[in-house]
């Protein structure tokens, strides 16, 4: 997993967390759900990249 991929996934996860918190603060369930989804997708991407790295060793 390249450093660029790690940074991109971390940024996506942070963006998702921010959206989820904003949605929660404003009682916007759609925005909250969207943020949680983005956060989950980024976390899955990170896990997949880590698994690939583990098999490369």
N, C-alpha and C. Protein backbone atom coordinates (compact mmCIF):
# COMPACT_ATOMS: atom_id res chain seq x y z
N UNK A 1 0.86 -1.16 0.00
CA UNK A 1 0.00 0.00 0.00
C UNK A 1 0.90 1.22 0.00
N UNK A 2 0.74 2.04 -0.99
CA UNK A 2 1.57 3.23 -1.08
C UNK A 2 1.13 4.29 -0.09
N UNK A 3 2.06 5.18 0.18
CA UNK A 3 1.78 6.25 1.14
C UNK A 3 0.63 7.12 0.63
N UNK A 4 0.54 7.31 -0.67
CA UNK A 4 -0.54 8.11 -1.25
C UNK A 4 -1.90 7.47 -1.00
N UNK A 5 -1.96 6.14 -1.13
CA UNK A 5 -3.21 5.42 -0.87
C UNK A 5 -3.62 5.54 0.59
N UNK A 6 -2.63 5.43 1.48
CA UNK A 6 -2.92 5.54 2.91
C UNK A 6 -3.48 6.92 3.24
N UNK A 7 -2.87 7.94 2.67
CA UNK A 7 -3.32 9.31 2.92
C UNK A 7 -4.72 9.53 2.35
N UNK A 8 -4.95 9.01 1.16
CA UNK A 8 -6.26 9.17 0.52
C UNK A 8 -7.35 8.48 1.34
N UNK A 9 -7.07 7.26 1.79
CA UNK A 9 -8.06 6.52 2.59
C UNK A 9 -8.31 7.21 3.93
N UNK A 10 -7.25 7.71 4.55
CA UNK A 10 -7.41 8.41 5.82
C UNK A 10 -8.23 9.69 5.64
N UNK A 11 -8.00 10.39 4.53
CA UNK A 11 -8.76 11.61 4.25
C UNK A 11 -10.24 11.28 4.01
N UNK A 12 -10.49 10.19 3.29
CA UNK A 12 -11.88 9.78 3.05
C UNK A 12 -12.57 9.42 4.36
N UNK A 13 -11.83 8.74 5.24
CA UNK A 13 -12.41 8.36 6.52
C UNK A 13 -12.71 9.59 7.37
N UNK A 14 -11.79 10.54 7.37
CA UNK A 14 -12.00 11.78 8.14
C UNK A 14 -13.18 12.57 7.59
N UNK A 15 -13.30 12.59 6.27
CA UNK A 15 -14.42 13.28 5.63
C UNK A 15 -15.75 12.62 6.03
N UNK A 16 -15.75 11.30 6.06
CA UNK A 16 -16.96 10.58 6.46
C UNK A 16 -17.33 10.86 7.91
N UNK A 17 -16.31 10.88 8.78
CA UNK A 17 -16.57 11.19 10.20
C UNK A 17 -17.16 12.59 10.36
N UNK A 18 -16.59 13.54 9.61
CA UNK A 18 -17.07 14.92 9.70
C UNK A 18 -18.52 15.02 9.23
N UNK A 19 -18.83 14.34 8.13
CA UNK A 19 -20.21 14.36 7.62
C UNK A 19 -21.17 13.74 8.63
N UNK A 20 -20.75 12.62 9.22
CA UNK A 20 -21.61 11.93 10.19
C UNK A 20 -21.86 12.82 11.40
N UNK A 21 -20.83 13.47 11.89
CA UNK A 21 -20.99 14.34 13.06
C UNK A 21 -21.84 15.56 12.72
N UNK A 22 -21.66 16.11 11.53
CA UNK A 22 -22.47 17.25 11.11
C UNK A 22 -23.93 16.84 11.00
N UNK A 23 -24.17 15.68 10.40
CA UNK A 23 -25.53 15.18 10.28
C UNK A 23 -26.18 14.93 11.63
N UNK A 24 -25.39 14.42 12.56
CA UNK A 24 -25.90 14.18 13.91
C UNK A 24 -26.22 15.49 14.61
N UNK A 25 -25.34 16.47 14.47
CA UNK A 25 -25.54 17.76 15.14
C UNK A 25 -26.75 18.52 14.59
N UNK A 26 -27.03 18.34 13.30
CA UNK A 26 -28.13 19.07 12.67
C UNK A 26 -29.39 18.22 12.54
N UNK A 27 -29.37 17.03 13.10
CA UNK A 27 -30.49 16.08 12.99
C UNK A 27 -30.83 15.75 11.54
N UNK A 28 -29.81 15.74 10.69
CA UNK A 28 -29.98 15.37 9.29
C UNK A 28 -29.56 13.91 9.15
N UNK A 29 -30.53 13.01 9.20
CA UNK A 29 -30.24 11.57 9.17
C UNK A 29 -29.61 11.13 7.86
N UNK A 30 -30.00 11.75 6.75
CA UNK A 30 -29.43 11.39 5.46
C UNK A 30 -27.94 11.70 5.42
N UNK A 31 -27.57 12.89 5.88
CA UNK A 31 -26.16 13.29 5.89
C UNK A 31 -25.37 12.41 6.85
N UNK A 32 -25.96 12.09 7.98
CA UNK A 32 -25.30 11.23 8.95
C UNK A 32 -25.05 9.84 8.36
N UNK A 33 -26.04 9.28 7.70
CA UNK A 33 -25.90 7.96 7.09
C UNK A 33 -24.87 7.98 5.97
N UNK A 34 -24.88 9.04 5.18
CA UNK A 34 -23.91 9.18 4.09
C UNK A 34 -22.48 9.21 4.66
N UNK A 35 -22.30 9.96 5.72
CA UNK A 35 -20.98 10.05 6.35
C UNK A 35 -20.53 8.73 6.91
N UNK A 36 -21.43 8.03 7.57
CA UNK A 36 -21.09 6.72 8.12
C UNK A 36 -20.73 5.73 7.02
N UNK A 37 -21.43 5.81 5.90
CA UNK A 37 -21.13 4.94 4.77
C UNK A 37 -19.75 5.24 4.21
N UNK A 38 -19.45 6.52 4.01
CA UNK A 38 -18.13 6.90 3.50
C UNK A 38 -17.02 6.45 4.44
N UNK A 39 -17.26 6.59 5.73
CA UNK A 39 -16.27 6.18 6.72
C UNK A 39 -16.04 4.67 6.65
N UNK A 40 -17.11 3.91 6.51
CA UNK A 40 -17.00 2.45 6.43
C UNK A 40 -16.28 2.01 5.16
N UNK A 41 -16.59 2.64 4.05
CA UNK A 41 -15.94 2.29 2.79
C UNK A 41 -14.44 2.55 2.87
N UNK A 42 -14.05 3.68 3.44
CA UNK A 42 -12.64 3.99 3.59
C UNK A 42 -11.94 2.98 4.49
N UNK A 43 -12.60 2.59 5.57
CA UNK A 43 -12.02 1.61 6.48
C UNK A 43 -11.84 0.26 5.78
N UNK A 44 -12.81 -0.12 4.96
CA UNK A 44 -12.70 -1.38 4.22
C UNK A 44 -11.56 -1.33 3.21
N UNK A 45 -11.39 -0.19 2.56
CA UNK A 45 -10.28 -0.03 1.61
C UNK A 45 -8.95 -0.18 2.33
N UNK A 46 -8.83 0.42 3.50
CA UNK A 46 -7.60 0.31 4.28
C UNK A 46 -7.34 -1.14 4.67
N UNK A 47 -8.36 -1.83 5.09
CA UNK A 47 -8.21 -3.23 5.49
C UNK A 47 -7.79 -4.09 4.30
N UNK A 48 -8.37 -3.83 3.14
CA UNK A 48 -8.00 -4.57 1.94
C UNK A 48 -6.56 -4.33 1.54
N UNK A 49 -6.12 -3.10 1.63
CA UNK A 49 -4.73 -2.77 1.30
C UNK A 49 -3.77 -3.42 2.29
N UNK A 50 -4.14 -3.44 3.56
CA UNK A 50 -3.28 -4.08 4.57
C UNK A 50 -3.19 -5.57 4.33
N UNK A 51 -4.29 -6.19 3.91
CA UNK A 51 -4.29 -7.62 3.61
C UNK A 51 -3.38 -7.90 2.42
N UNK A 52 -3.45 -7.04 1.40
CA UNK A 52 -2.57 -7.21 0.24
C UNK A 52 -1.11 -7.11 0.66
N UNK A 53 -0.82 -6.13 1.52
CA UNK A 53 0.55 -5.95 2.00
C UNK A 53 1.03 -7.18 2.77
N UNK A 54 0.15 -7.77 3.55
CA UNK A 54 0.52 -8.94 4.35
C UNK A 54 0.88 -10.13 3.45
N UNK A 55 0.18 -10.27 2.34
CA UNK A 55 0.47 -11.39 1.44
C UNK A 55 1.72 -11.16 0.60
N UNK A 56 2.13 -9.92 0.47
CA UNK A 56 3.33 -9.60 -0.29
C UNK A 56 4.60 -10.01 0.45
N UNK A 57 4.49 -10.10 1.77
CA UNK A 57 5.68 -10.41 2.60
C UNK A 57 6.04 -11.84 2.55
